[in-house]
Amino acid sequence: MRQSTLSTSPIASSSASETEAAPAKLGLRERGKLEKRRRIRQAARDVFLEKGYDDATTREIAERADVAIGTLFVYAKDKRDLLMMIINDDLDQLNQTLVETVQTGTLIDQLTEFFRKRYQYWASEPRLSRPAVQETFDFLSGSTGKGPETVRFYARRGRIVDLLSAIIKNKQAEKKICTDYSPEEIASLFMTIYLTEVRRWLSDEHPQVETGIAHLRKLMALALCGVKPAAGEADI
């Protein structure tokens, strides 16, 4: 089996060792499944980075992982599902650290730090990030079928909104922001701003984290302030 020589993001490198971290009590069959999944995931990452997502094929990924093509399709429905498998594992680890890092500060500071880690992740390997974001857009439009890893990717949005809602709910309890809207509604607004902005940012040839997060912060601040005229001024 061919060994990978490509570097991976810090997040990805830890998740790639999932079989080594598997509980010892797992049986031989279960450990074998985890090992095959690890090989498939790593092979997909390597081929996507070498060939580009559009030119990569599931057959080449199966050969690189040293599994039959039918076995590969047990773990992922198609090429998009393989991409989402990589992204899902990485983002699951990232999400575990989000709440701990944004517990204090003003709401705009908390929101900025909440999304900063995601920007850092997306910027770590744009060759994977760009097709992942595009495939998500296609998924939402319902243009093609949806494999389990793609569904898993989309389901994460609800969990992210829940995390944002908890931050906003605390600020409402502290009377720092209005309670005219539910935490979920406000969280959905910021999530929509993020999804639109991150797609635009990734279209840059060399997306820079601080540039991207600064623009996102500006848009979120605008949402927090609103565009109502000052007292005594006419409506727009």
Protein backbone atom coordinates (compact mmCIF):
# COMPACT_ATOMS: atom_id res chain seq x y z
CA MET A 1 0.00 0.00 0.00
CA ARG A 2 1.33 3.38 -1.00
CA GLN A 3 2.31 5.65 1.85
CA SER A 4 1.15 9.26 1.94
CA THR A 5 3.79 11.94 1.60
CA LEU A 6 1.47 14.95 1.66
CA SER A 7 1.12 17.19 4.67
CA THR A 8 -2.24 17.70 6.29
CA SER A 9 -3.77 20.37 8.47
CA PRO A 10 -3.12 20.19 12.23
CA ILE A 11 -6.73 19.18 12.80
CA ALA A 12 -6.65 16.55 10.10
CA SER A 13 -3.41 14.97 11.27
CA SER A 14 -4.91 14.09 14.63
CA SER A 15 -8.15 12.70 13.22
CA ALA A 16 -6.23 10.56 10.76
CA SER A 17 -4.99 8.45 13.66
CA GLU A 18 -8.47 7.39 14.73
CA THR A 19 -7.67 3.69 14.50
CA GLU A 20 -4.79 4.03 16.92
CA ALA A 21 -7.13 5.76 19.38
CA ALA A 22 -9.88 3.16 18.97
CA PRO A 23 -10.91 1.41 22.20
CA ALA A 24 -8.97 -1.78 22.81
CA LYS A 25 -12.23 -3.62 23.54
CA LEU A 26 -13.29 -3.42 19.87
CA GLY A 27 -13.24 -6.74 18.12
CA LEU A 28 -11.04 -7.61 15.17
CA ARG A 29 -13.86 -6.98 12.68
CA GLU A 30 -14.62 -3.52 14.06
CA ARG A 31 -10.95 -2.56 14.11
CA GLY A 32 -10.67 -3.75 10.53
CA LYS A 33 -13.54 -1.50 9.50
CA LEU A 34 -11.93 1.49 11.19
CA GLU A 35 -8.63 0.75 9.49
CA LYS A 36 -10.29 0.54 6.06
CA ARG A 37 -12.10 3.80 6.68
CA ARG A 38 -8.84 5.44 7.74
CA ARG A 39 -7.10 4.24 4.57
CA ILE A 40 -9.97 5.38 2.36
CA ARG A 41 -10.08 8.78 4.03
CA GLN A 42 -6.33 9.30 3.72
CA ALA A 43 -6.28 8.09 0.12
CA ALA A 44 -9.11 10.47 -0.77
CA ARG A 45 -7.26 13.38 0.81
CA ASP A 46 -4.04 12.55 -1.03
CA VAL A 47 -5.68 12.09 -4.43
CA PHE A 48 -7.78 15.25 -4.08
CA LEU A 49 -4.67 17.25 -3.25
CA GLU A 50 -2.58 15.69 -6.02
CA LYS A 51 -5.12 15.68 -8.84
CA GLY A 52 -7.64 18.27 -7.72
CA TYR A 53 -11.17 17.38 -6.69
CA ASP A 54 -12.64 17.57 -10.19
CA ASP A 55 -10.04 15.27 -11.76
CA ALA A 56 -9.90 12.72 -8.94
CA THR A 57 -11.77 9.44 -9.41
CA THR A 58 -13.24 7.02 -6.91
CA ARG A 59 -11.45 4.14 -8.65
CA GLU A 60 -8.06 5.77 -8.12
CA ILE A 61 -8.91 6.47 -4.49
CA ALA A 62 -9.93 2.83 -3.97
CA GLU A 63 -6.66 1.64 -5.52
CA ARG A 64 -4.66 4.04 -3.34
CA ALA A 65 -6.50 2.78 -0.25
CA ASP A 66 -5.93 -0.85 -1.31
CA VAL A 67 -9.64 -1.69 -1.21
CA ALA A 68 -12.12 -2.88 -3.83
CA ILE A 69 -14.28 -0.19 -5.42
CA GLY A 70 -17.36 -1.88 -3.95
CA THR A 71 -15.81 -1.67 -0.49
CA LEU A 72 -15.19 2.04 -0.95
CA PHE A 73 -18.87 2.59 -1.72
CA VAL A 74 -19.79 0.93 1.57
CA TYR A 75 -18.11 3.86 3.34
CA ALA A 76 -19.07 6.68 0.96
CA LYS A 77 -21.77 7.00 -1.69
CA ASP A 78 -19.68 8.92 -4.20
CA LYS A 79 -16.75 11.30 -4.60
CA ARG A 80 -18.58 14.13 -2.85
CA ASP A 81 -19.24 11.85 0.11
CA LEU A 82 -15.51 11.08 0.31
CA LEU A 83 -14.73 14.79 0.43
CA MET A 84 -17.33 15.30 3.15
CA MET A 85 -15.87 12.39 5.13
CA ILE A 86 -12.58 14.29 5.33
CA ILE A 87 -14.24 17.60 6.23
CA ASN A 88 -16.63 16.02 8.74
CA ASP A 89 -13.93 14.33 10.77
CA ASP A 90 -11.89 17.53 10.87
CA LEU A 91 -14.80 19.80 11.82
CA ASP A 92 -16.08 17.41 14.51
CA GLN A 93 -12.80 17.92 16.35
CA LEU A 94 -12.88 21.65 15.78
CA ASN A 95 -16.43 22.01 17.14
CA GLN A 96 -15.41 20.35 20.40
CA THR A 97 -13.18 23.32 21.17
CA LEU A 98 -15.53 26.14 20.16
CA VAL A 99 -17.58 26.67 23.32
CA GLU A 100 -14.53 26.67 25.58
CA THR A 101 -12.88 29.49 23.64
CA VAL A 102 -15.81 31.93 23.40
CA GLN A 103 -17.24 32.06 26.91
CA THR A 104 -16.29 35.66 27.68
CA GLY A 105 -16.22 39.06 25.99
CA THR A 106 -18.68 41.20 24.09
CA LEU A 107 -21.04 39.46 21.69
CA ILE A 108 -19.17 40.68 18.61
CA ASP A 109 -15.90 39.41 20.11
CA GLN A 110 -17.46 36.05 20.92
CA LEU A 111 -18.93 35.73 17.44
CA THR A 112 -15.61 36.67 15.86
CA GLU A 113 -13.69 34.05 17.84
CA PHE A 114 -16.44 31.50 17.21
CA PHE A 115 -15.95 31.74 13.46
CA ARG A 116 -12.20 32.41 13.48
CA LYS A 117 -11.29 28.76 13.96
CA ARG A 118 -13.47 27.79 11.04
CA TYR A 119 -11.73 30.37 8.87
CA GLN A 120 -8.38 29.00 10.01
CA TYR A 121 -9.47 25.51 9.06
CA TRP A 122 -10.81 26.49 5.64
CA ALA A 123 -7.63 28.47 4.90
CA SER A 124 -5.38 25.54 5.86
CA GLU A 125 -6.13 23.70 2.60
CA PRO A 126 -8.20 25.68 0.05
CA ARG A 127 -7.92 22.83 -2.46
CA LEU A 128 -10.26 20.86 -0.21
CA SER A 129 -12.19 23.79 1.23
CA ARG A 130 -13.37 25.29 -2.04
CA PRO A 131 -15.02 22.14 -3.44
CA ALA A 132 -16.46 21.34 0.01
CA VAL A 133 -18.18 24.72 0.22
CA GLN A 134 -19.36 24.45 -3.39
CA GLU A 135 -20.68 20.93 -2.88
CA THR A 136 -22.58 22.16 0.16
CA PHE A 137 -24.20 24.84 -1.99
CA ASP A 138 -25.18 22.19 -4.56
CA PHE A 139 -26.53 20.00 -1.77
CA LEU A 140 -28.78 22.78 -0.52
CA SER A 141 -30.11 23.32 -4.04
CA GLY A 142 -31.07 19.66 -4.22
CA SER A 143 -29.25 19.16 -7.51
CA THR A 144 -27.93 15.67 -6.80
CA GLY A 145 -28.34 12.69 -4.46
CA LYS A 146 -27.05 12.85 -0.93
CA GLY A 147 -24.76 10.31 0.68
CA PRO A 148 -24.52 9.80 4.45
CA GLU A 149 -21.38 11.91 4.88
CA THR A 150 -22.98 14.78 2.95
CA VAL A 151 -26.10 14.57 5.11
CA ARG A 152 -23.84 14.49 8.16
CA PHE A 153 -22.10 17.64 6.97
CA TYR A 154 -25.38 19.51 6.53
CA ALA A 155 -26.73 18.29 9.88
CA ARG A 156 -23.80 19.99 11.59
CA ARG A 157 -25.35 23.36 10.79
CA GLY A 158 -28.10 22.73 13.33
CA ARG A 159 -25.52 22.01 16.01
CA ILE A 160 -23.60 25.17 15.17
CA VAL A 161 -26.79 27.22 15.40
CA ASP A 162 -27.42 25.63 18.80
CA LEU A 163 -23.97 26.73 19.99
CA LEU A 164 -24.51 30.25 18.69
CA SER A 165 -27.99 30.34 20.26
CA ALA A 166 -26.52 29.52 23.67
CA ILE A 167 -24.10 32.46 23.39
CA ILE A 168 -26.88 34.81 22.33
CA LYS A 169 -29.25 33.56 25.01
CA ASN A 170 -26.67 34.43 27.66
CA LYS A 171 -26.31 37.94 26.26
CA GLN A 172 -30.08 38.38 26.29
CA ALA A 173 -30.19 37.24 29.91
CA GLU A 174 -27.54 39.86 30.70
CA LYS A 175 -29.70 42.43 28.85
CA LYS A 176 -26.82 43.12 26.46
CA ILE A 177 -28.99 42.65 23.36
CA CYS A 178 -32.71 42.86 22.63
CA THR A 179 -35.14 40.03 23.25
CA ASP A 180 -37.48 40.91 20.39
CA TYR A 181 -36.20 37.87 18.53
CA SER A 182 -35.42 34.38 19.73
CA PRO A 183 -31.80 33.24 20.17
CA GLU A 184 -32.36 30.76 17.35
CA GLU A 185 -33.53 33.48 14.94
CA ILE A 186 -30.55 35.69 15.74
CA ALA A 187 -28.16 32.74 15.49
CA SER A 188 -29.61 31.84 12.07
CA LEU A 189 -28.96 35.38 10.89
CA PHE A 190 -25.29 35.21 11.85
CA MET A 191 -24.98 31.74 10.36
CA THR A 192 -26.40 33.01 7.07
CA ILE A 193 -23.94 35.91 7.04
CA TYR A 194 -21.06 33.50 7.72
CA LEU A 195 -22.06 31.00 5.01
CA THR A 196 -22.40 33.70 2.38
CA GLU A 197 -19.20 35.48 3.37
CA VAL A 198 -16.99 32.40 3.69
CA ARG A 199 -17.93 31.32 0.17
CA ARG A 200 -16.98 34.75 -1.21
CA TRP A 201 -13.74 34.76 0.81
CA LEU A 202 -12.65 31.33 -0.42
CA SER A 203 -12.96 32.54 -4.01
CA ASP A 204 -9.78 34.58 -3.41
CA GLU A 205 -6.67 32.96 -4.84
CA HIS A 206 -4.92 33.10 -1.47
CA PRO A 207 -7.56 33.56 1.25
CA GLN A 208 -6.08 35.27 4.31
CA VAL A 209 -7.67 34.47 7.66
CA GLU A 210 -7.36 37.92 9.23
CA THR A 211 -8.64 39.69 6.13
CA GLY A 212 -11.61 37.36 5.89
CA ILE A 213 -12.49 37.44 9.57
CA ALA A 214 -12.22 41.25 9.67
CA HIS A 215 -14.78 41.57 6.88
CA LEU A 216 -17.05 39.02 8.54
CA ARG A 217 -16.82 40.93 11.81
CA LYS A 218 -17.78 44.14 10.03
CA LEU A 219 -20.88 42.53 8.56
CA MET A 220 -21.86 40.99 11.89
CA ALA A 221 -21.40 44.35 13.60
CA LEU A 222 -23.67 45.90 11.00
CA ALA A 223 -26.29 43.27 11.76
CA LEU A 224 -25.99 44.01 15.48
CA CYS A 225 -26.30 47.77 15.00
CA GLY A 226 -28.94 47.67 12.30
CA VAL A 227 -29.51 50.40 9.74
CA LYS A 228 -32.24 52.39 11.43
CA PRO A 229 -31.80 56.18 11.19
CA ALA A 230 -30.71 58.11 14.25
CA ALA A 231 -33.40 59.85 16.30
CA GLY A 232 -34.84 62.80 14.42
CA GLU A 233 -33.66 61.62 11.00
CA ALA A 234 -35.97 60.58 8.21
CA ASP A 235 -36.44 56.93 7.31
CA ILE A 236 -34.32 55.66 4.42
